Protein backbone atom coordinates (compact mmCIF):
# COMPACT_ATOMS: atom_id res chain seq x y z
CA MET A 1 -59.34 140.08 44.60
CA LYS A 2 -59.15 143.50 46.23
CA LEU A 3 -58.65 143.71 50.07
CA THR A 4 -61.76 145.87 51.49
CA LYS A 5 -62.10 147.92 54.76
CA GLN A 6 -64.28 145.61 55.75
CA ASP A 7 -60.90 142.13 55.22
CA ILE A 8 -59.28 144.35 57.11
CA ASP A 9 -61.88 145.02 60.11
CA LYS A 10 -61.81 140.90 60.07
CA VAL A 11 -58.52 140.81 61.07
CA ARG A 12 -57.54 144.45 63.02
CA HIS A 13 -57.97 142.20 66.62
CA ILE A 14 -54.10 140.19 65.78
CA GLU A 15 -51.47 141.16 66.97
CA GLY A 16 -49.08 142.93 64.91
CA PHE A 17 -51.71 144.81 63.17
CA PRO A 18 -49.88 147.73 61.48
CA ILE A 19 -50.79 151.56 62.59
CA ALA A 20 -51.81 152.86 59.34
CA LYS A 21 -54.96 154.21 58.22
CA ASP A 22 -56.89 151.47 55.93
CA GLU A 23 -56.04 152.92 52.82
CA ASP A 24 -52.37 152.99 53.22
CA ILE A 25 -52.23 148.86 54.27
CA ILE A 26 -55.03 148.47 50.35
CA ALA A 27 -52.30 150.73 48.71
CA LEU A 28 -49.67 148.37 49.59
CA SER A 29 -50.95 145.32 49.39
CA ARG A 30 -50.93 142.26 46.71
CA PRO A 31 -54.60 139.82 47.17
CA PRO A 32 -54.62 137.09 47.70
CA TYR A 33 -51.13 136.81 47.76
CA TYR A 34 -49.84 139.26 50.28
CA THR A 35 -51.55 142.11 52.37
CA ALA A 36 -49.40 145.28 54.21
CA CYS A 37 -51.09 143.50 57.51
CA PRO A 38 -52.91 139.85 58.01
CA ASN A 39 -54.36 137.88 55.55
CA PRO A 40 -57.51 137.80 55.68
CA PHE A 41 -57.66 135.65 52.41
CA ILE A 42 -55.14 132.64 54.38
CA GLU A 43 -57.58 130.20 54.53
CA ASP A 44 -59.22 130.44 51.83
CA PHE A 45 -55.66 130.21 49.99
CA ILE A 46 -54.96 127.03 52.10
CA ARG A 47 -58.53 124.94 51.45
CA GLU A 48 -57.76 125.56 47.94
CA ASN A 49 -54.03 124.62 48.03
CA GLY A 50 -52.94 122.52 51.89
CA THR A 51 -53.18 119.33 51.98
CA PRO A 52 -53.88 117.55 55.21
CA TYR A 53 -50.53 116.25 56.44
CA ASP A 54 -50.99 112.69 57.21
CA GLU A 55 -48.16 111.47 59.01
CA ALA A 56 -48.90 107.58 57.67
CA THR A 57 -48.01 108.70 53.87
CA ASP A 58 -45.76 111.72 54.70
CA ASP A 59 -42.22 111.09 54.39
CA TYR A 60 -41.31 115.08 54.48
CA HIS A 61 -38.19 115.29 56.93
CA ARG A 62 -35.50 118.29 56.89
CA GLU A 63 -32.52 118.43 59.57
CA PRO A 64 -32.27 121.58 61.05
CA PHE A 65 -29.14 124.16 59.68
CA ALA A 66 -26.82 124.41 61.86
CA ALA A 67 -23.33 125.03 61.90
CA ASP A 68 -20.51 127.75 63.38
CA VAL A 69 -20.21 131.54 62.36
CA SER A 70 -17.16 132.96 62.43
CA GLU A 71 -16.53 136.04 61.49
CA GLY A 72 -13.87 138.74 61.53
CA LYS A 73 -14.39 142.57 62.41
CA ASN A 74 -13.55 143.22 58.41
CA ASP A 75 -16.10 141.24 56.81
CA PRO A 76 -18.37 142.34 54.93
CA ILE A 77 -21.40 139.60 56.80
CA TYR A 78 -19.65 141.79 60.44
CA MET A 79 -20.27 145.90 58.57
CA ALA A 80 -23.17 145.67 57.18
CA HIS A 81 -24.90 146.94 60.16
CA SER A 82 -22.90 149.83 62.16
CA TYR A 83 -22.63 150.82 65.45
CA ALA A 84 -20.36 153.25 67.37
CA SER A 85 -18.16 150.88 69.25
CA ARG A 86 -15.84 152.78 72.29
């Protein structure tokens, strides 16, 4: 599948569309799974691979992850992005 300028024009109005040349967006994309802009192929992908939600038969359930995180100032996670402290 190839990403074309016509495909890009279909999603250019979506908030978050990158400020870039169409040629650069095409070069950085690997359609249909990844595009460097809102994916114009997402509806086709969902239609082919998705399944409709049925409240009566769907048993998918996940609790949200909730835990306290406490790290000291010398922990690698804390040091990942340094900033000037004065």
